[in-house]
C-alpha atoms as a PDB file:
ATOM      1  CA  MET A   1    -122.853  33.343  64.322  1.00  0.00           C
ATOM      2  CA  GLU A   2    -121.935  32.579  67.997  1.00  0.00           C
ATOM      3  CA  PRO A   3    -118.023  32.346  67.864  1.00  0.00           C
ATOM      4  CA  VAL A   4    -116.034  28.933  67.651  1.00  0.00           C
ATOM      5  CA  THR A   5    -114.752  27.884  70.568  1.00  0.00           C
ATOM      6  CA  ARG A   6    -113.527  24.214  69.723  1.00  0.00           C
ATOM      7  CA  TYR A   7    -112.153  22.347  66.561  1.00  0.00           C
ATOM      8  CA  PRO A   8    -114.289  20.059  65.064  1.00  0.00           C
ATOM      9  CA  LEU A   9    -114.005  16.409  66.196  1.00  0.00           C
ATOM     10  CA  ALA A  10    -113.069  14.832  63.007  1.00  0.00           C
ATOM     11  CA  MET A  11    -109.918  17.235  63.714  1.00  0.00           C
ATOM     12  CA  ARG A  12    -109.173  17.226  67.562  1.00  0.00           C
ATOM     13  CA  VAL A  13    -108.676  13.553  66.239  1.00  0.00           C
ATOM     14  CA  LEU A  14    -106.896  13.639  63.612  1.00  0.00           C
ATOM     15  CA  HIS A  15    -104.649  16.225  65.551  1.00  0.00           C
ATOM     16  CA  TRP A  16    -103.305  13.887  68.623  1.00  0.00           C
ATOM     17  CA  LEU A  17    -104.005  10.783  66.098  1.00  0.00           C
ATOM     18  CA  ARG A  18    -101.040  12.679  64.111  1.00  0.00           C
ATOM     19  CA  ALA A  19     -99.137  13.698  67.038  1.00  0.00           C
ATOM     20  CA  LEU A  20     -98.563   9.932  68.397  1.00  0.00           C
ATOM     21  CA  LEU A  21     -97.661   8.808  64.517  1.00  0.00           C
ATOM     22  CA  ILE A  22     -95.745  11.505  64.147  1.00  0.00           C
ATOM     23  CA  LEU A  23     -93.112  10.923  67.830  1.00  0.00           C
ATOM     24  CA  GLY A  24     -93.037   6.820  67.249  1.00  0.00           C
ATOM     25  CA  LEU A  25     -92.236   8.131  63.038  1.00  0.00           C
ATOM     26  CA  ILE A  26     -89.166   9.454  64.981  1.00  0.00           C
ATOM     27  CA  ALA A  27     -89.077   7.593  67.350  1.00  0.00           C
ATOM     28  CA  VAL A  28     -88.412   4.529  65.165  1.00  0.00           C
ATOM     29  CA  GLY A  29     -86.247   6.442  62.219  1.00  0.00           C
ATOM     30  CA  PHE A  30     -83.835   7.026  65.625  1.00  0.00           C
ATOM     31  CA  THR A  31     -83.773   3.426  66.092  1.00  0.00           C
ATOM     32  CA  MET A  32     -83.088   2.096  62.627  1.00  0.00           C
ATOM     33  CA  THR A  33     -80.787   4.526  62.020  1.00  0.00           C
ATOM     34  CA  SER A  34     -78.900   4.037  65.577  1.00  0.00           C
ATOM     35  CA  LEU A  35     -78.437  -0.306  64.325  1.00  0.00           C
ATOM     36  CA  PRO A  36     -75.915  -1.795  62.509  1.00  0.00           C
ATOM     37  CA  ASP A  37     -77.297  -3.132  59.888  1.00  0.00           C
ATOM     38  CA  THR A  38     -76.759  -6.569  60.518  1.00  0.00           C
ATOM     39  CA  ALA A  39     -79.717  -6.093  63.594  1.00  0.00           C
ATOM     40  CA  THR A  40     -82.023  -8.018  61.318  1.00  0.00           C
ATOM     41  CA  VAL A  41     -85.181  -6.189  62.999  1.00  0.00           C
ATOM     42  CA  LYS A  42     -83.976  -3.307  61.192  1.00  0.00           C
ATOM     43  CA  PHE A  43     -84.994  -4.390  57.292  1.00  0.00           C
ATOM     44  CA  THR A  44     -87.660  -6.806  58.461  1.00  0.00           C
ATOM     45  CA  THR A  45     -89.589  -5.413  60.943  1.00  0.00           C
ATOM     46  CA  LEU A  46     -88.606  -1.151  61.415  1.00  0.00           C
ATOM     47  CA  TYR A  47     -88.403   0.106  58.089  1.00  0.00           C
ATOM     48  CA  PRO A  48     -91.375  -1.691  56.327  1.00  0.00           C
ATOM     49  CA  MET A  49     -93.249  -0.500  59.609  1.00  0.00           C
ATOM     50  CA  HIS A  50     -91.336   3.350  59.423  1.00  0.00           C
ATOM     51  CA  LYS A  51     -92.660   3.256  55.710  1.00  0.00           C
ATOM     52  CA  GLU A  52     -95.839   1.696  56.548  1.00  0.00           C
ATOM     53  CA  PHE A  53     -96.964   4.400  59.184  1.00  0.00           C
ATOM     54  CA  GLY A  54     -95.280   7.707  57.437  1.00  0.00           C
ATOM     55  CA  VAL A  55     -97.761   6.753  53.992  1.00  0.00           C
ATOM     56  CA  LEU A  56    -100.044   6.752  57.115  1.00  0.00           C
ATOM     57  CA  VAL A  57     -98.986  10.380  58.455  1.00  0.00           C
ATOM     58  CA  TRP A  58     -99.554  12.041  54.579  1.00  0.00           C
ATOM     59  CA  LEU A  59    -102.684  10.586  54.304  1.00  0.00           C
ATOM     60  CA  VAL A  60    -103.942  11.339  58.180  1.00  0.00           C
ATOM     61  CA  VAL A  61    -103.462  15.751  56.797  1.00  0.00           C
ATOM     62  CA  VAL A  62    -104.229  14.923  53.923  1.00  0.00           C
ATOM     63  CA  VAL A  63    -107.938  14.288  55.815  1.00  0.00           C
ATOM     64  CA  GLN A  64    -107.014  17.146  57.833  1.00  0.00           C
ATOM     65  CA  LEU A  65    -106.393  19.620  55.479  1.00  0.00           C
ATOM     66  CA  ALA A  66    -109.427  18.682  53.676  1.00  0.00           C
ATOM     67  CA  ILE A  67    -111.801  19.137  56.636  1.00  0.00           C
ATOM     68  CA  ARG A  68    -109.983  22.492  57.755  1.00  0.00           C
ATOM     69  CA  ARG A  69    -110.864  24.087  54.421  1.00  0.00           C
ATOM     70  CA  GLN A  70    -114.855  23.046  54.412  1.00  0.00           C
ATOM     71  CA  SER A  71    -114.385  24.354  58.660  1.00  0.00           C
ATOM     72  CA  ARG A  72    -115.097  27.137  61.377  1.00  0.00           C
ATOM     73  CA  LEU A  73    -111.978  27.620  63.063  1.00  0.00           C
ATOM     74  CA  PRO A  74    -111.430  28.807  66.418  1.00  0.00           C
ATOM     75  CA  LEU A  75    -110.115  32.521  66.115  1.00  0.00           C
ATOM     76  CA  PRO A  76    -106.546  33.435  68.051  1.00  0.00           C
ATOM     77  CA  PRO A  77    -107.448  34.030  72.167  1.00  0.00           C
ATOM     78  CA  VAL A  78    -107.604  38.228  71.747  1.00  0.00           C
ATOM     79  CA  GLY A  79    -105.419  37.746  74.736  1.00  0.00           C
ATOM     80  CA  LEU A  80    -102.340  36.867  72.715  1.00  0.00           C
ATOM     81  CA  LYS A  81     -99.670  40.091  71.523  1.00  0.00           C
ATOM     82  CA  PRO A  82     -99.350  40.182  67.646  1.00  0.00           C
ATOM     83  CA  TRP A  83     -96.479  38.580  67.243  1.00  0.00           C
ATOM     84  CA  GLU A  84     -97.907  35.319  69.481  1.00  0.00           C
ATOM     85  CA  ALA A  85    -100.155  35.244  67.209  1.00  0.00           C
ATOM     86  CA  ARG A  86     -98.304  35.085  64.081  1.00  0.00           C
ATOM     87  CA  LEU A  87     -95.247  32.804  66.039  1.00  0.00           C
ATOM     88  CA  SER A  88     -98.287  30.627  66.593  1.00  0.00           C
ATOM     89  CA  HIS A  89    -100.651  30.860  63.019  1.00  0.00           C
ATOM     90  CA  GLY A  90     -96.693  30.619  61.383  1.00  0.00           C
ATOM     91  CA  VAL A  91     -95.306  27.236  63.191  1.00  0.00           C
ATOM     92  CA  HIS A  92     -99.583  25.410  62.652  1.00  0.00           C
ATOM     93  CA  ILE A  93     -98.710  25.508  59.139  1.00  0.00           C
ATOM     94  CA  ALA A  94     -95.072  25.190  58.257  1.00  0.00           C
ATOM     95  CA  MET A  95     -95.852  21.549  60.512  1.00  0.00           C
ATOM     96  CA  LEU A  96     -98.861  21.022  58.834  1.00  0.00           C
ATOM     97  CA  GLY A  97     -96.964  21.685  55.703  1.00  0.00           C
ATOM     98  CA  LEU A  98     -93.748  18.997  56.733  1.00  0.00           C
ATOM     99  CA  ALA A  99     -96.346  16.512  57.823  1.00  0.00           C
ATOM    100  CA  PHE A 100     -97.158  16.488  54.011  1.00  0.00           C
ATOM    101  CA  VAL A 101     -94.214  16.787  52.678  1.00  0.00           C
ATOM    102  CA  VAL A 102     -91.470  13.948  55.129  1.00  0.00           C
ATOM    103  CA  PRO A 103     -93.523  11.925  53.785  1.00  0.00           C
ATOM    104  CA  LEU A 104     -93.095  12.021  50.632  1.00  0.00           C
ATOM    105  CA  MET A 105     -89.784  12.535  50.921  1.00  0.00           C
ATOM    106  CA  GLY A 106     -89.337   9.347  52.481  1.00  0.00           C
ATOM    107  CA  TYR A 107     -91.056   8.076  49.356  1.00  0.00           C
ATOM    108  CA  GLY A 108     -88.758   9.504  47.568  1.00  0.00           C
ATOM    109  CA  MET A 109     -86.241   7.792  49.042  1.00  0.00           C
ATOM    110  CA  SER A 110     -87.552   4.478  49.186  1.00  0.00           C
ATOM    111  CA  ALA A 111     -88.967   4.687  45.387  1.00  0.00           C
ATOM    112  CA  SER A 112     -85.657   6.516  44.070  1.00  0.00           C
ATOM    113  CA  PHE A 113     -83.918   3.711  45.837  1.00  0.00           C
ATOM    114  CA  THR A 114     -81.729   1.129  43.708  1.00  0.00           C
ATOM    115  CA  GLN A 115     -81.678  -1.751  46.110  1.00  0.00           C
ATOM    116  CA  SER A 116     -85.513  -0.309  47.211  1.00  0.00           C
ATOM    117  CA  ASP A 117     -87.586  -3.188  48.437  1.00  0.00           C
ATOM    118  CA  GLY A 118     -90.682  -0.718  48.305  1.00  0.00           C
ATOM    119  CA  VAL A 119     -93.336   0.584  49.934  1.00  0.00           C
ATOM    120  CA  PRO A 120     -95.274  -0.987  51.826  1.00  0.00           C
ATOM    121  CA  PHE A 121     -99.252   0.261  53.514  1.00  0.00           C
ATOM    122  CA  PHE A 122    -100.918  -2.578  55.541  1.00  0.00           C
ATOM    123  CA  GLY A 123    -100.403  -5.557  53.578  1.00  0.00           C
ATOM    124  CA  PHE A 124    -100.552  -3.530  50.547  1.00  0.00           C
ATOM    125  CA  GLU A 125     -97.465  -2.086  47.649  1.00  0.00           C
ATOM    126  CA  VAL A 126     -97.339   2.038  46.615  1.00  0.00           C
ATOM    127  CA  PRO A 127     -96.405   1.914  43.068  1.00  0.00           C
ATOM    128  CA  GLU A 128     -92.934   3.108  43.338  1.00  0.00           C
ATOM    129  CA  LEU A 129     -93.042   5.908  40.781  1.00  0.00           C
ATOM    130  CA  LEU A 130     -89.588   7.309  40.647  1.00  0.00           C
ATOM    131  CA  PRO A 131     -86.742   6.087  38.378  1.00  0.00           C
ATOM    132  CA  LYS A 132     -84.348   3.605  40.693  1.00  0.00           C
ATOM    133  CA  ASN A 133     -81.416   6.830  40.994  1.00  0.00           C
ATOM    134  CA  ASP A 134     -78.748   6.817  44.426  1.00  0.00           C
ATOM    135  CA  HIS A 135     -78.262  10.283  43.679  1.00  0.00           C
ATOM    136  CA  ALA A 136     -81.684  11.062  43.771  1.00  0.00           C
ATOM    137  CA  PHE A 137     -81.725   8.239  46.668  1.00  0.00           C
ATOM    138  CA  ALA A 138     -79.216  11.329  48.371  1.00  0.00           C
ATOM    139  CA  VAL A 139     -81.508  14.130  48.028  1.00  0.00           C
ATOM    140  CA  PHE A 140     -83.963  12.585  48.941  1.00  0.00           C
ATOM    141  CA  GLN A 141     -82.667  11.010  51.763  1.00  0.00           C
ATOM    142  CA  LEU A 142     -80.855  14.298  53.142  1.00  0.00           C
ATOM    143  CA  LEU A 143     -84.000  16.044  52.420  1.00  0.00           C
ATOM    144  CA  HIS A 144     -86.261  13.744  54.934  1.00  0.00           C
ATOM    145  CA  LYS A 145     -84.116  14.409  57.854  1.00  0.00           C
ATOM    146  CA  VAL A 146     -83.421  18.175  57.692  1.00  0.00           C
ATOM    147  CA  LEU A 147     -87.229  18.662  57.313  1.00  0.00           C
ATOM    148  CA  ALA A 148     -87.777  15.188  60.055  1.00  0.00           C
ATOM    149  CA  TYR A 149     -85.707  16.851  62.750  1.00  0.00           C
ATOM    150  CA  THR A 150     -88.078  20.410  61.397  1.00  0.00           C
ATOM    151  CA  LEU A 151     -90.312  19.001  62.307  1.00  0.00           C
ATOM    152  CA  LEU A 152     -89.449  18.065  66.066  1.00  0.00           C
ATOM    153  CA  GLY A 153     -88.684  21.504  66.666  1.00  0.00           C
ATOM    154  CA  LEU A 154     -91.758  22.964  65.323  1.00  0.00           C
ATOM    155  CA  VAL A 155     -93.981  20.785  67.488  1.00  0.00           C
ATOM    156  CA  ALA A 156     -91.066  21.379  70.514  1.00  0.00           C
ATOM    157  CA  LEU A 157     -92.027  24.165  70.062  1.00  0.00           C
ATOM    158  CA  HIS A 158     -95.399  24.138  69.447  1.00  0.00           C
ATOM    159  CA  VAL A 159     -95.928  22.121  73.290  1.00  0.00           C
ATOM    160  CA  ALA A 160     -93.938  24.515  74.847  1.00  0.00           C
ATOM    161  CA  GLY A 161     -96.278  26.768  73.457  1.00  0.00           C
ATOM    162  CA  VAL A 162     -99.641  25.113  74.583  1.00  0.00           C
ATOM    163  CA  PHE A 163     -97.870  24.699  78.486  1.00  0.00           C
ATOM    164  CA  LYS A 164     -96.862  28.637  78.143  1.00  0.00           C
ATOM    165  CA  HIS A 165     -99.955  29.555  77.461  1.00  0.00           C
ATOM    166  CA  ARG A 166    -101.723  27.083  79.774  1.00  0.00           C
ATOM    167  CA  PHE A 167     -99.253  27.505  83.117  1.00  0.00           C
ATOM    168  CA  LEU A 168     -97.407  30.922  82.525  1.00  0.00           C
ATOM    169  CA  ASP A 169    -100.238  33.805  80.544  1.00  0.00           C
ATOM    170  CA  ALA A 170    -102.217  35.719  83.206  1.00  0.00           C
ATOM    171  CA  ASP A 171    -104.584  35.561  80.876  1.00  0.00           C
ATOM    172  CA  LYS A 172    -106.341  31.995  81.372  1.00  0.00           C
ATOM    173  CA  ALA A 173    -108.721  33.523  78.088  1.00  0.00           C
ATOM    174  CA  ASN A 174    -104.847  32.099  75.852  1.00  0.00           C
ATOM    175  CA  ASP A 175    -105.953  28.630  77.008  1.00  0.00           C
ATOM    176  CA  VAL A 176    -105.276  27.317  73.929  1.00  0.00           C
ATOM    177  CA  LEU A 177    -105.767  23.361  74.834  1.00  0.00           C
ATOM    178  CA  PRO A 178    -109.009  23.085  75.927  1.00  0.00           C
ATOM    179  CA  ARG A 179    -110.076  23.936  72.248  1.00  0.00           C
ATOM    180  CA  MET A 180    -108.278  20.417  71.008  1.00  0.00           C
ATOM    181  CA  LEU A 181    -109.773  18.666  73.841  1.00  0.00           C
END
């Protein structure tokens, strides 16, 4: 059987979609949390948009995981040092895991907050399955924030690794970017 050199098209499209969504969510998250509560756009536009796109990220990750499970994937470049291959694999697994968990923590925030206005999803309301409890909200809020910053750090490490393999490695076979283009 011939080795796979690129990820399946569906995974490549979802990878870049997820990347754009997560970067956009981080930008909106920074913006909305830095605005004073008197800024109406914070609650009328930014929070609902952040929730909608957070649910979308979660759905994209679920689809990605299903496709990943059914697909033949490229092997790590043979020129990678063992620690680089382990780090790369760990970062990928952690990013997927956090892209799955961070939206769930955001959902937990909204669903448990006593003054919640719900979890919108592009014209629909996601059922709030958790009891209203501001202590639980505070826990979900902390987890959402810490895990989102962790995800951001892993994204930075991931991008740095791609650049390193593309521009600094002597072995050009280590260039992993074409696998995802």
